[in-house]
Amino acid sequence: MIFPMMIIFYVMIIACNTDTQSENQKVPNQANSENIVIGTKGNTPPSQITPKPEENPSTIQINPSAKTTKTLPIFEVVSEHPKACINDHFSQFVRVHGMYVVGDEDAPSDYVLHTANILAQYLDNDEDGIPDDQVVTDYLVANGFIVPVWTKDIRENFWSSARGTWCEDNIRTVASMYHADSGDQWAIGGIEKAKIWDTNLEEVWHVVSAAWYRVYPEYFNDKFDDPRDSLLTEAVDAARGGYFEEAPKIYPAEAWYRYFDCPYGCQVHEYFYWITVANIGALDPAITNWCPNEEWSICTKEELRIRDVRAYDLLNNHGFKLPTHIPDGSYSPTKQ
């Protein structure tokens, strides 16, 4: 895989480690399509379902005392992953704020780069070169979360061959993107430009949000292993018209969130995705036909403020540095 020449900038980062068939599309002529390698510095944090890949992030322990000091690029196309058990199945690698987006040899390179840019924009939504919440990013890095761009066959082969290797216990793929035989959509250039939905907005967020459940449990606990409520689960229960451990066959008439495919913890994850993309304007009917739908009907931030008071308050009134802009796959941290 040949990529254009990289532009490299480095500064010091002090990291606190916590615990389908798609046609190849032409890469837009913009900065994110180049192999950009940019450095960053530290930041003070604020006061679905496949076999092995869809692990429960609740099982991962946080280690807030572990600290490392190293020079890290924030966006870099690299030739390999540090671990051989990853390299045996993937040939494309993009390191994003210490995380990895990986692609198999048949994954279109513009797809892999697009996914990496979406990840970068979720982690650093204001694009100043610094993760918006360093603790969230550190958690994802320390616990081996990656974002694969692969096929279902490669996914199965990867986890089968990972048994007994470093990858079995140290790599986590809570969600992923499929470049073939899945129905995943790729809005190269962003949903407003491409005029289609971008599945990356959901799947990449599922990976990033895995950290929010663990790092801020009082606010975002998903109740997978920890039975305590959080502001997020309280909002879920209100949106579903009550608490249901399993999805009911028929939701109460007053419910505005109706998801039928998985148990409670998974319901929380899908809800967090819906409220996040509504809050950043990605569901606005003016730019997408993705909303309303039978699962979710709140399409704008203003509707969220009026109809889902708990969700709006959680996302906007507690000082968290959650995304506020729609990732479009054009990460360009030039606002430093």
C-alpha atoms as a PDB file:
ATOM      1  CA  MET A   1       0.000   0.000   0.000  1.00  0.00           C
ATOM      2  CA  ILE A   2       1.583   3.277  -1.094  1.00  0.00           C
ATOM      3  CA  PHE A   3       0.599   6.515   0.579  1.00  0.00           C
ATOM      4  CA  PRO A   4       1.660  10.110  -0.200  1.00  0.00           C
ATOM      5  CA  MET A   5       4.573  11.718   1.593  1.00  0.00           C
ATOM      6  CA  MET A   6       3.919  12.472   5.227  1.00  0.00           C
ATOM      7  CA  ILE A   7       4.258  15.855   6.899  1.00  0.00           C
ATOM      8  CA  ILE A   8       5.627  15.340  10.385  1.00  0.00           C
ATOM      9  CA  PHE A   9       5.373  17.514  13.469  1.00  0.00           C
ATOM     10  CA  TYR A  10       6.097  16.326  17.014  1.00  0.00           C
ATOM     11  CA  VAL A  11       5.782  17.697  20.524  1.00  0.00           C
ATOM     12  CA  MET A  12       5.880  16.001  23.902  1.00  0.00           C
ATOM     13  CA  ILE A  13       2.814  14.247  25.292  1.00  0.00           C
ATOM     14  CA  ILE A  14       2.395  13.205  28.908  1.00  0.00           C
ATOM     15  CA  ALA A  15      -0.237  10.484  28.961  1.00  0.00           C
ATOM     16  CA  CYS A  16      -2.058   9.289  32.044  1.00  0.00           C
ATOM     17  CA  ASN A  17      -2.940   5.697  31.248  1.00  0.00           C
ATOM     18  CA  THR A  18      -6.332   4.744  32.599  1.00  0.00           C
ATOM     19  CA  ASP A  19      -8.203   2.031  32.821  1.00  0.00           C
ATOM     20  CA  THR A  20     -21.785  -4.134   2.253  1.00  0.00           C
ATOM     21  CA  GLN A  21     -19.823  -4.554  -0.665  1.00  0.00           C
ATOM     22  CA  SER A  22     -18.618  -0.989  -1.142  1.00  0.00           C
ATOM     23  CA  GLU A  23     -17.039   0.437  -4.275  1.00  0.00           C
ATOM     24  CA  ASN A  24     -13.642   2.051  -4.024  1.00  0.00           C
ATOM     25  CA  GLN A  25     -14.080   5.800  -4.046  1.00  0.00           C
ATOM     26  CA  LYS A  26     -11.639   8.510  -5.026  1.00  0.00           C
ATOM     27  CA  VAL A  27      -9.931  10.219  -2.114  1.00  0.00           C
ATOM     28  CA  PRO A  28     -10.992  13.861  -1.832  1.00  0.00           C
ATOM     29  CA  ASN A  29      -8.194  16.343  -2.386  1.00  0.00           C
ATOM     30  CA  GLN A  30      -7.928  17.596   1.170  1.00  0.00           C
ATOM     31  CA  ALA A  31      -5.511  17.402   4.048  1.00  0.00           C
ATOM     32  CA  ASN A  32      -7.027  14.359   5.716  1.00  0.00           C
ATOM     33  CA  SER A  33      -6.342  12.191   2.673  1.00  0.00           C
ATOM     34  CA  GLU A  34      -2.607  12.695   3.074  1.00  0.00           C
ATOM     35  CA  ASN A  35      -0.519  10.833   5.577  1.00  0.00           C
ATOM     36  CA  ILE A  36      -0.315  13.552   8.178  1.00  0.00           C
ATOM     37  CA  VAL A  37       1.715  12.993  11.304  1.00  0.00           C
ATOM     38  CA  ILE A  38       1.164  15.666  13.896  1.00  0.00           C
ATOM     39  CA  GLY A  39       2.260  15.834  17.517  1.00  0.00           C
ATOM     40  CA  THR A  40       0.228  16.815  20.545  1.00  0.00           C
ATOM     41  CA  LYS A  41       0.584  17.589  24.207  1.00  0.00           C
ATOM     42  CA  GLY A  42      -1.202  16.588  27.382  1.00  0.00           C
ATOM     43  CA  ASN A  43      -4.630  17.773  28.418  1.00  0.00           C
ATOM     44  CA  THR A  44      -6.380  17.946  31.770  1.00  0.00           C
ATOM     45  CA  PRO A  45      -9.676  16.045  31.741  1.00  0.00           C
ATOM     46  CA  PRO A  46     -12.925  17.667  32.952  1.00  0.00           C
ATOM     47  CA  SER A  47     -14.193  17.735  36.805  1.00  0.00           C
ATOM     48  CA  GLN A  48     -23.005  -4.204  18.586  1.00  0.00           C
ATOM     49  CA  ILE A  49     -22.902  -7.426  18.426  1.00  0.00           C
ATOM     50  CA  THR A  50     -20.447  -9.884  16.941  1.00  0.00           C
ATOM     51  CA  PRO A  51     -18.565 -12.770  18.566  1.00  0.00           C
ATOM     52  CA  LYS A  52     -15.307 -11.920  20.298  1.00  0.00           C
ATOM     53  CA  PRO A  53     -15.032  -8.335  18.966  1.00  0.00           C
ATOM     54  CA  GLU A  54     -18.122  -7.088  20.770  1.00  0.00           C
ATOM     55  CA  GLU A  55     -16.638  -7.398  24.212  1.00  0.00           C
ATOM     56  CA  ASN A  56     -18.071  -5.839  27.310  1.00  0.00           C
ATOM     57  CA  PRO A  57     -15.970  -2.796  28.207  1.00  0.00           C
ATOM     58  CA  SER A  58     -17.106  -3.130  31.816  1.00  0.00           C
ATOM     59  CA  THR A  59     -14.621  -5.948  32.381  1.00  0.00           C
ATOM     60  CA  ILE A  60     -11.647  -3.652  31.880  1.00  0.00           C
ATOM     61  CA  GLN A  61     -10.009  -2.207  34.977  1.00  0.00           C
ATOM     62  CA  ILE A  62      -8.900   1.398  35.198  1.00  0.00           C
ATOM     63  CA  ASN A  63      -5.341   2.058  36.357  1.00  0.00           C
ATOM     64  CA  PRO A  64      -5.232   5.817  36.963  1.00  0.00           C
ATOM     65  CA  SER A  65      -1.809   5.721  38.632  1.00  0.00           C
ATOM     66  CA  ALA A  66       0.058   4.496  35.562  1.00  0.00           C
ATOM     67  CA  LYS A  67       1.796   7.306  33.705  1.00  0.00           C
ATOM     68  CA  THR A  68       4.072   7.334  30.712  1.00  0.00           C
ATOM     69  CA  THR A  69       6.031  10.134  29.124  1.00  0.00           C
ATOM     70  CA  LYS A  70       6.687   9.672  25.430  1.00  0.00           C
ATOM     71  CA  THR A  71       6.660  11.444  22.102  1.00  0.00           C
ATOM     72  CA  LEU A  72       3.569  10.329  20.207  1.00  0.00           C
ATOM     73  CA  PRO A  73       2.270  11.383  16.796  1.00  0.00           C
ATOM     74  CA  ILE A  74      -1.424  12.142  16.823  1.00  0.00           C
ATOM     75  CA  PHE A  75      -2.224  10.954  13.268  1.00  0.00           C
ATOM     76  CA  GLU A  76       0.172   8.749  11.374  1.00  0.00           C
ATOM     77  CA  VAL A  77       0.022   6.068   8.707  1.00  0.00           C
ATOM     78  CA  VAL A  78       2.456   3.382   9.830  1.00  0.00           C
ATOM     79  CA  SER A  79       3.736   0.174   8.285  1.00  0.00           C
ATOM     80  CA  GLU A  80       2.740  -2.182  11.078  1.00  0.00           C
ATOM     81  CA  HIS A  81       1.258  -2.622  14.534  1.00  0.00           C
ATOM     82  CA  PRO A  82       3.671  -3.267  17.414  1.00  0.00           C
ATOM     83  CA  LYS A  83       2.225  -6.773  17.854  1.00  0.00           C
ATOM     84  CA  ALA A  84       2.658  -9.582  15.323  1.00  0.00           C
ATOM     85  CA  CYS A  85      -0.756 -11.091  16.038  1.00  0.00           C
ATOM     86  CA  ILE A  86      -2.294  -7.939  14.527  1.00  0.00           C
ATOM     87  CA  ASN A  87       0.056  -7.802  11.557  1.00  0.00           C
ATOM     88  CA  ASP A  88      -0.779 -11.376  10.561  1.00  0.00           C
ATOM     89  CA  HIS A  89      -4.260 -10.255   9.471  1.00  0.00           C
ATOM     90  CA  PHE A  90      -3.949  -6.572   8.589  1.00  0.00           C
ATOM     91  CA  SER A  91      -1.728  -4.627   6.218  1.00  0.00           C
ATOM     92  CA  GLN A  92      -2.958  -1.046   6.709  1.00  0.00           C
ATOM     93  CA  PHE A  93      -2.432   0.850   9.934  1.00  0.00           C
ATOM     94  CA  VAL A  94      -3.219   4.385  11.054  1.00  0.00           C
ATOM     95  CA  ARG A  95      -2.256   5.506  14.539  1.00  0.00           C
ATOM     96  CA  VAL A  96      -4.623   8.114  15.938  1.00  0.00           C
ATOM     97  CA  HIS A  97      -3.765   9.691  19.274  1.00  0.00           C
ATOM     98  CA  GLY A  98      -2.170   6.371  20.241  1.00  0.00           C
ATOM     99  CA  MET A  99      -5.071   4.208  19.043  1.00  0.00           C
ATOM    100  CA  TYR A 100      -4.999   2.126  15.866  1.00  0.00           C
ATOM    101  CA  VAL A 101      -7.338   1.896  12.890  1.00  0.00           C
ATOM    102  CA  VAL A 102      -6.410  -1.268  10.988  1.00  0.00           C
ATOM    103  CA  GLY A 103      -7.470  -2.531   7.561  1.00  0.00           C
ATOM    104  CA  ASP A 104      -7.069  -5.799   5.720  1.00  0.00           C
ATOM    105  CA  GLU A 105      -5.288  -5.876   2.359  1.00  0.00           C
ATOM    106  CA  ASP A 106      -8.543  -5.589   0.385  1.00  0.00           C
ATOM    107  CA  ALA A 107      -9.918  -2.635   2.323  1.00  0.00           C
ATOM    108  CA  PRO A 108      -9.882   0.483   0.115  1.00  0.00           C
ATOM    109  CA  SER A 109      -7.233   2.816   1.486  1.00  0.00           C
ATOM    110  CA  ASP A 110      -9.581   5.796   1.361  1.00  0.00           C
ATOM    111  CA  TYR A 111     -11.999   3.865   3.568  1.00  0.00           C
ATOM    112  CA  VAL A 112      -9.306   3.153   6.135  1.00  0.00           C
ATOM    113  CA  LEU A 113      -8.164   6.776   6.130  1.00  0.00           C
ATOM    114  CA  HIS A 114     -11.750   8.008   6.373  1.00  0.00           C
ATOM    115  CA  THR A 115     -12.412   5.840   9.423  1.00  0.00           C
ATOM    116  CA  ALA A 116      -9.177   7.056  11.004  1.00  0.00           C
ATOM    117  CA  ASN A 117     -10.176  10.661  10.415  1.00  0.00           C
ATOM    118  CA  ILE A 118     -13.602  10.080  11.955  1.00  0.00           C
ATOM    119  CA  LEU A 119     -11.914   8.584  15.014  1.00  0.00           C
ATOM    120  CA  ALA A 120      -9.568  11.560  15.239  1.00  0.00           C
ATOM    121  CA  GLN A 121     -12.481  13.988  15.041  1.00  0.00           C
ATOM    122  CA  TYR A 122     -14.381  12.170  17.761  1.00  0.00           C
ATOM    123  CA  LEU A 123     -11.349  12.231  20.057  1.00  0.00           C
ATOM    124  CA  ASP A 124     -10.324  15.787  19.158  1.00  0.00           C
ATOM    125  CA  ASN A 125     -13.544  17.385  18.004  1.00  0.00           C
ATOM    126  CA  ASP A 126     -12.278  20.955  18.171  1.00  0.00           C
ATOM    127  CA  GLU A 127      -9.239  19.875  16.126  1.00  0.00           C
ATOM    128  CA  ASP A 128      -6.673  21.707  18.205  1.00  0.00           C
ATOM    129  CA  GLY A 129      -4.326  18.713  18.181  1.00  0.00           C
ATOM    130  CA  ILE A 130      -5.169  17.691  21.744  1.00  0.00           C
ATOM    131  CA  PRO A 131      -7.719  15.035  22.743  1.00  0.00           C
ATOM    132  CA  ASP A 132     -10.774  16.775  24.149  1.00  0.00           C
ATOM    133  CA  ASP A 133     -10.801  14.401  27.113  1.00  0.00           C
ATOM    134  CA  GLN A 134      -7.345  12.959  27.687  1.00  0.00           C
ATOM    135  CA  VAL A 135      -8.574  10.443  30.272  1.00  0.00           C
ATOM    136  CA  VAL A 136     -11.004   8.959  27.748  1.00  0.00           C
ATOM    137  CA  THR A 137      -8.293   8.682  25.108  1.00  0.00           C
ATOM    138  CA  ASP A 138      -5.795   7.207  27.567  1.00  0.00           C
ATOM    139  CA  TYR A 139      -8.318   4.585  28.616  1.00  0.00           C
ATOM    140  CA  LEU A 140      -8.861   3.490  25.029  1.00  0.00           C
ATOM    141  CA  VAL A 141      -5.129   3.315  24.335  1.00  0.00           C
ATOM    142  CA  ALA A 142      -4.214   1.547  27.575  1.00  0.00           C
ATOM    143  CA  ASN A 143      -6.897  -1.091  27.084  1.00  0.00           C
ATOM    144  CA  GLY A 144      -6.075  -1.983  23.490  1.00  0.00           C
ATOM    145  CA  PHE A 145      -9.146  -0.698  21.669  1.00  0.00           C
ATOM    146  CA  ILE A 146      -8.752  -0.734  17.887  1.00  0.00           C
ATOM    147  CA  VAL A 147     -11.100   0.081  14.998  1.00  0.00           C
ATOM    148  CA  PRO A 148     -10.893  -2.605  12.290  1.00  0.00           C
ATOM    149  CA  VAL A 149     -11.937  -2.089   8.674  1.00  0.00           C
ATOM    150  CA  TRP A 150     -12.433  -5.691   7.565  1.00  0.00           C
ATOM    151  CA  THR A 151     -14.877  -8.388   6.464  1.00  0.00           C
ATOM    152  CA  LYS A 152     -16.826 -10.820   8.583  1.00  0.00           C
ATOM    153  CA  ASP A 153     -14.620 -13.694   7.432  1.00  0.00           C
ATOM    154  CA  ILE A 154     -11.461 -11.869   8.448  1.00  0.00           C
ATOM    155  CA  ARG A 155     -13.026 -10.987  11.771  1.00  0.00           C
ATOM    156  CA  GLU A 156     -13.754 -14.639  12.492  1.00  0.00           C
ATOM    157  CA  ASN A 157     -10.306 -15.752  11.354  1.00  0.00           C
ATOM    158  CA  PHE A 158      -8.630 -13.082  13.430  1.00  0.00           C
ATOM    159  CA  TRP A 159     -10.282 -14.048  16.688  1.00  0.00           C
ATOM    160  CA  SER A 160      -9.867 -17.740  16.009  1.00  0.00           C
ATOM    161  CA  SER A 161      -6.134 -17.390  15.456  1.00  0.00           C
ATOM    162  CA  ALA A 162      -5.784 -14.951  18.366  1.00  0.00           C
ATOM    163  CA  ARG A 163      -6.339 -17.710  20.906  1.00  0.00           C
ATOM    164  CA  GLY A 164      -3.295 -18.059  23.086  1.00  0.00           C
ATOM    165  CA  THR A 165      -1.656 -14.914  21.721  1.00  0.00           C
ATOM    166  CA  TRP A 166      -1.220 -11.426  23.126  1.00  0.00           C
ATOM    167  CA  CYS A 167      -4.199 -10.275  21.062  1.00  0.00           C
ATOM    168  CA  GLU A 168      -6.677 -12.566  22.805  1.00  0.00           C
ATOM    169  CA  ASP A 169      -6.397 -10.738  26.113  1.00  0.00           C
ATOM    170  CA  ASN A 170      -5.219  -7.299  25.055  1.00  0.00           C
ATOM    171  CA  ILE A 171      -7.072  -6.270  21.885  1.00  0.00           C
ATOM    172  CA  ARG A 172     -10.676  -5.083  22.019  1.00  0.00           C
ATOM    173  CA  THR A 173     -12.961  -4.355  19.082  1.00  0.00           C
ATOM    174  CA  VAL A 174     -16.246  -3.202  20.548  1.00  0.00           C
ATOM    175  CA  ALA A 175     -17.388  -2.212  17.052  1.00  0.00           C
ATOM    176  CA  SER A 176     -15.911  -2.151  13.571  1.00  0.00           C
ATOM    177  CA  MET A 177     -16.469  -1.189   9.946  1.00  0.00           C
ATOM    178  CA  TYR A 178     -17.041  -3.734   7.158  1.00  0.00           C
ATOM    179  CA  HIS A 179     -15.910  -2.790   3.671  1.00  0.00           C
ATOM    180  CA  ALA A 180     -17.840  -5.655   2.022  1.00  0.00           C
ATOM    181  CA  ASP A 181     -21.059  -7.667   2.445  1.00  0.00           C
ATOM    182  CA  SER A 182     -22.501  -5.686   5.338  1.00  0.00           C
ATOM    183  CA  GLY A 183     -24.461  -2.662   4.182  1.00  0.00           C
ATOM    184  CA  ASP A 184     -22.078  -0.244   5.897  1.00  0.00           C
ATOM    185  CA  GLN A 185     -22.084   3.163   4.207  1.00  0.00           C
ATOM    186  CA  TRP A 186     -19.062   5.417   3.698  1.00  0.00           C
ATOM    187  CA  ALA A 187     -19.714   9.118   3.264  1.00  0.00           C
ATOM    188  CA  ILE A 188     -16.306  10.109   1.903  1.00  0.00           C
ATOM    189  CA  GLY A 189     -16.058  13.848   2.446  1.00  0.00           C
ATOM    190  CA  GLY A 190     -18.782  13.841   5.102  1.00  0.00           C
ATOM    191  CA  ILE A 191     -22.535  13.319   5.122  1.00  0.00           C
ATOM    192  CA  GLU A 192     -23.339  16.855   3.984  1.00  0.00           C
ATOM    193  CA  LYS A 193     -21.106  16.539   0.913  1.00  0.00           C
ATOM    194  CA  ALA A 194     -21.722  12.878   0.056  1.00  0.00           C
ATOM    195  CA  LYS A 195     -25.497  13.099   0.669  1.00  0.00           C
ATOM    196  CA  ILE A 196     -25.555   9.657   2.285  1.00  0.00           C
ATOM    197  CA  TRP A 197     -25.323   8.423   5.848  1.00  0.00           C
ATOM    198  CA  ASP A 198     -21.938   7.458   7.222  1.00  0.00           C
ATOM    199  CA  THR A 199     -21.946   4.250   9.264  1.00  0.00           C
ATOM    200  CA  ASN A 200     -18.638   5.373  10.741  1.00  0.00           C
ATOM    201  CA  LEU A 201     -20.521   7.937  12.813  1.00  0.00           C
ATOM    202  CA  GLU A 202     -22.149   5.077  14.688  1.00  0.00           C
ATOM    203  CA  GLU A 203     -19.518   2.361  14.816  1.00  0.00           C
ATOM    204  CA  VAL A 204     -16.552   4.563  15.645  1.00  0.00           C
ATOM    205  CA  TRP A 205     -18.592   6.260  18.350  1.00  0.00           C
ATOM    206  CA  HIS A 206     -19.381   2.871  19.864  1.00  0.00           C
ATOM    207  CA  VAL A 207     -15.643   2.347  20.278  1.00  0.00           C
ATOM    208  CA  VAL A 208     -14.987   5.774  21.760  1.00  0.00           C
ATOM    209  CA  SER A 209     -17.998   5.640  24.077  1.00  0.00           C
ATOM    210  CA  ALA A 210     -16.704   2.422  25.657  1.00  0.00           C
ATOM    211  CA  ALA A 211     -14.363   4.649  27.654  1.00  0.00           C
ATOM    212  CA  TRP A 212     -17.050   7.065  28.781  1.00  0.00           C
ATOM    213  CA  TYR A 213     -18.986   4.277  30.533  1.00  0.00           C
ATOM    214  CA  ARG A 214     -15.949   3.352  32.626  1.00  0.00           C
ATOM    215  CA  VAL A 215     -14.215   6.669  33.191  1.00  0.00           C
ATOM    216  CA  TYR A 216     -17.305   8.565  34.381  1.00  0.00           C
ATOM    217  CA  PRO A 217     -19.626   5.861  35.813  1.00  0.00           C
ATOM    218  CA  GLU A 218     -21.734   8.271  37.871  1.00  0.00           C
ATOM    219  CA  TYR A 219     -22.795   9.903  34.642  1.00  0.00           C
ATOM    220  CA  PHE A 220     -22.431   7.211  31.953  1.00  0.00           C
ATOM    221  CA  ASN A 221     -22.432   3.759  33.597  1.00  0.00           C
ATOM    222  CA  ASP A 222     -24.105   1.249  31.253  1.00  0.00           C
ATOM    223  CA  LYS A 223     -25.026  -1.320  33.955  1.00  0.00           C
ATOM    224  CA  PHE A 224     -23.337  -4.208  32.117  1.00  0.00           C
ATOM    225  CA  ASP A 225     -21.521  -5.382  35.247  1.00  0.00           C
ATOM    226  CA  ASP A 226     -22.105  -2.506  37.636  1.00  0.00           C
ATOM    227  CA  PRO A 227     -25.769  -2.421  38.750  1.00  0.00           C
ATOM    228  CA  ARG A 228     -25.671   1.219  39.796  1.00  0.00           C
ATOM    229  CA  ASP A 229     -27.758   3.702  37.882  1.00  0.00           C
ATOM    230  CA  SER A 230     -26.196   6.656  36.135  1.00  0.00           C
ATOM    231  CA  LEU A 231     -27.600   9.791  34.596  1.00  0.00           C
ATOM    232  CA  LEU A 232     -27.382   7.982  31.268  1.00  0.00           C
ATOM    233  CA  THR A 233     -29.404   4.941  32.368  1.00  0.00           C
ATOM    234  CA  GLU A 234     -31.994   7.201  33.979  1.00  0.00           C
ATOM    235  CA  ALA A 235     -32.337   8.979  30.643  1.00  0.00           C
ATOM    236  CA  VAL A 236     -32.613   5.633  28.833  1.00  0.00           C
ATOM    237  CA  ASP A 237     -35.421   4.487  31.121  1.00  0.00           C
ATOM    238  CA  ALA A 238     -37.326   7.716  30.576  1.00  0.00           C
ATOM    239  CA  ALA A 239     -36.869   7.480  26.804  1.00  0.00           C
ATOM    240  CA  ARG A 240     -38.091   3.852  26.713  1.00  0.00           C
ATOM    241  CA  GLY A 241     -41.081   4.520  28.946  1.00  0.00           C
ATOM    242  CA  GLY A 242     -39.689   2.509  31.871  1.00  0.00           C
ATOM    243  CA  TYR A 243     -36.979   0.059  32.893  1.00  0.00           C
ATOM    244  CA  PHE A 244     -36.856  -3.124  30.796  1.00  0.00           C
ATOM    245  CA  GLU A 245     -34.020  -5.594  31.285  1.00  0.00           C
ATOM    246  CA  GLU A 246     -34.919  -7.156  27.939  1.00  0.00           C
ATOM    247  CA  ALA A 247     -36.551  -5.345  25.051  1.00  0.00           C
ATOM    248  CA  PRO A 248     -40.351  -5.552  25.326  1.00  0.00           C
ATOM    249  CA  LYS A 249     -42.392  -6.777  22.391  1.00  0.00           C
ATOM    250  CA  ILE A 250     -44.333  -3.522  22.505  1.00  0.00           C
ATOM    251  CA  TYR A 251     -42.991  -0.296  23.986  1.00  0.00           C
ATOM    252  CA  PRO A 252     -45.208   2.125  25.926  1.00  0.00           C
ATOM    253  CA  ALA A 253     -46.905   4.707  23.734  1.00  0.00           C
ATOM    254  CA  GLU A 254     -44.964   7.510  25.404  1.00  0.00           C
ATOM    255  CA  ALA A 255     -41.558   6.019  24.533  1.00  0.00           C
ATOM    256  CA  TRP A 256     -39.448   7.880  21.979  1.00  0.00           C
ATOM    257  CA  TYR A 257     -36.643   5.313  21.913  1.00  0.00           C
ATOM    258  CA  ARG A 258     -37.635   1.820  20.786  1.00  0.00           C
ATOM    259  CA  TYR A 259     -34.840  -0.662  20.239  1.00  0.00           C
ATOM    260  CA  PHE A 260     -35.633  -4.373  19.976  1.00  0.00           C
ATOM    261  CA  ASP A 261     -32.434  -6.238  19.180  1.00  0.00           C
ATOM    262  CA  CYS A 262     -30.449  -6.607  22.407  1.00  0.00           C
ATOM    263  CA  PRO A 263     -30.558  -6.524  26.234  1.00  0.00           C
ATOM    264  CA  TYR A 264     -30.272  -3.540  28.521  1.00  0.00           C
ATOM    265  CA  GLY A 265     -26.571  -2.670  28.361  1.00  0.00           C
ATOM    266  CA  CYS A 266     -26.617  -2.750  24.589  1.00  0.00           C
ATOM    267  CA  GLN A 267     -29.751  -0.592  24.644  1.00  0.00           C
ATOM    268  CA  VAL A 268     -27.784   1.979  26.631  1.00  0.00           C
ATOM    269  CA  HIS A 269     -24.999   1.978  24.051  1.00  0.00           C
ATOM    270  CA  GLU A 270     -27.380   2.514  21.149  1.00  0.00           C
ATOM    271  CA  TYR A 271     -29.145   5.279  23.040  1.00  0.00           C
ATOM    272  CA  PHE A 272     -25.860   7.068  23.769  1.00  0.00           C
ATOM    273  CA  TYR A 273     -25.118   6.966  20.055  1.00  0.00           C
ATOM    274  CA  TRP A 274     -28.529   8.358  19.095  1.00  0.00           C
ATOM    275  CA  ILE A 275     -28.451  11.249  21.545  1.00  0.00           C
ATOM    276  CA  THR A 276     -24.872  12.116  20.617  1.00  0.00           C
ATOM    277  CA  VAL A 277     -25.482  12.319  16.864  1.00  0.00           C
ATOM    278  CA  ALA A 278     -28.722  14.232  17.465  1.00  0.00           C
ATOM    279  CA  ASN A 279     -26.876  16.656  19.722  1.00  0.00           C
ATOM    280  CA  ILE A 280     -24.213  17.422  17.103  1.00  0.00           C
ATOM    281  CA  GLY A 281     -26.775  17.890  14.312  1.00  0.00           C
ATOM    282  CA  ALA A 282     -25.923  14.778  12.296  1.00  0.00           C
ATOM    283  CA  LEU A 283     -29.562  13.608  12.198  1.00  0.00           C
ATOM    284  CA  ASP A 284     -31.022  16.880  10.943  1.00  0.00           C
ATOM    285  CA  PRO A 285     -33.456  16.038   8.089  1.00  0.00           C
ATOM    286  CA  ALA A 286     -32.001  18.992   6.209  1.00  0.00           C
ATOM    287  CA  ILE A 287     -28.817  16.990   5.621  1.00  0.00           C
ATOM    288  CA  THR A 288     -29.802  13.330   6.022  1.00  0.00           C
ATOM    289  CA  ASN A 289     -32.745  10.951   5.647  1.00  0.00           C
ATOM    290  CA  TRP A 290     -31.544   8.893   8.615  1.00  0.00           C
ATOM    291  CA  CYS A 291     -34.098  10.421  10.990  1.00  0.00           C
ATOM    292  CA  PRO A 292     -36.861   9.934  11.981  1.00  0.00           C
ATOM    293  CA  ASN A 293     -36.984   6.146  11.941  1.00  0.00           C
ATOM    294  CA  GLU A 294     -38.810   3.385  13.800  1.00  0.00           C
ATOM    295  CA  GLU A 295     -36.096   3.288  16.448  1.00  0.00           C
ATOM    296  CA  TRP A 296     -35.475   6.968  17.055  1.00  0.00           C
ATOM    297  CA  SER A 297     -37.367  10.158  16.205  1.00  0.00           C
ATOM    298  CA  ILE A 298     -35.452  13.073  17.769  1.00  0.00           C
ATOM    299  CA  CYS A 299     -33.556  14.571  14.868  1.00  0.00           C
ATOM    300  CA  THR A 300     -32.102  17.888  16.020  1.00  0.00           C
ATOM    301  CA  LYS A 301     -30.427  19.353  19.062  1.00  0.00           C
ATOM    302  CA  GLU A 302     -33.415  21.598  19.682  1.00  0.00           C
ATOM    303  CA  GLU A 303     -35.794  18.621  19.614  1.00  0.00           C
ATOM    304  CA  LEU A 304     -33.477  16.857  22.042  1.00  0.00           C
ATOM    305  CA  ARG A 305     -33.616  19.852  24.383  1.00  0.00           C
ATOM    306  CA  ILE A 306     -37.416  19.847  24.337  1.00  0.00           C
ATOM    307  CA  ARG A 307     -38.253  16.127  24.263  1.00  0.00           C
ATOM    308  CA  ASP A 308     -35.363  14.418  26.056  1.00  0.00           C
ATOM    309  CA  VAL A 309     -34.485  16.779  28.856  1.00  0.00           C
ATOM    310  CA  ARG A 310     -32.279  14.302  30.721  1.00  0.00           C
ATOM    311  CA  ALA A 311     -30.165  13.479  27.690  1.00  0.00           C
ATOM    312  CA  TYR A 312     -29.764  17.104  26.710  1.00  0.00           C
ATOM    313  CA  ASP A 313     -28.740  18.049  30.215  1.00  0.00           C
ATOM    314  CA  LEU A 314     -26.215  15.202  30.452  1.00  0.00           C
ATOM    315  CA  LEU A 315     -24.548  16.074  27.177  1.00  0.00           C
ATOM    316  CA  ASN A 316     -24.510  19.834  27.529  1.00  0.00           C
ATOM    317  CA  ASN A 317     -24.661  20.954  31.136  1.00  0.00           C
ATOM    318  CA  HIS A 318     -22.063  18.948  33.067  1.00  0.00           C
ATOM    319  CA  GLY A 319     -18.838  20.293  31.632  1.00  0.00           C
ATOM    320  CA  PHE A 320     -17.913  17.222  29.596  1.00  0.00           C
ATOM    321  CA  LYS A 321     -15.926  17.725  26.427  1.00  0.00           C
ATOM    322  CA  LEU A 322     -18.170  15.603  24.247  1.00  0.00           C
ATOM    323  CA  PRO A 323     -18.329  16.127  20.472  1.00  0.00           C
ATOM    324  CA  THR A 324     -20.183  19.222  19.299  1.00  0.00           C
ATOM    325  CA  HIS A 325     -19.425  19.066  15.548  1.00  0.00           C
ATOM    326  CA  ILE A 326     -20.207  16.378  12.953  1.00  0.00           C
ATOM    327  CA  PRO A 327     -17.083  14.392  12.026  1.00  0.00           C
ATOM    328  CA  ASP A 328     -16.715  14.483   8.240  1.00  0.00           C
ATOM    329  CA  GLY A 329     -13.464  12.588   7.777  1.00  0.00           C
ATOM    330  CA  SER A 330     -11.309  15.676   7.239  1.00  0.00           C
ATOM    331  CA  TYR A 331      -9.310  15.887  10.455  1.00  0.00           C
ATOM    332  CA  SER A 332      -7.037  18.921  10.255  1.00  0.00           C
ATOM    333  CA  PRO A 333      -5.668  20.002  13.643  1.00  0.00           C
ATOM    334  CA  THR A 334      -4.627  23.484  12.544  1.00  0.00           C
ATOM    335  CA  LYS A 335      -6.325  25.445  15.305  1.00  0.00           C
ATOM    336  CA  GLN A 336      -3.416  25.052  17.735  1.00  0.00           C
END
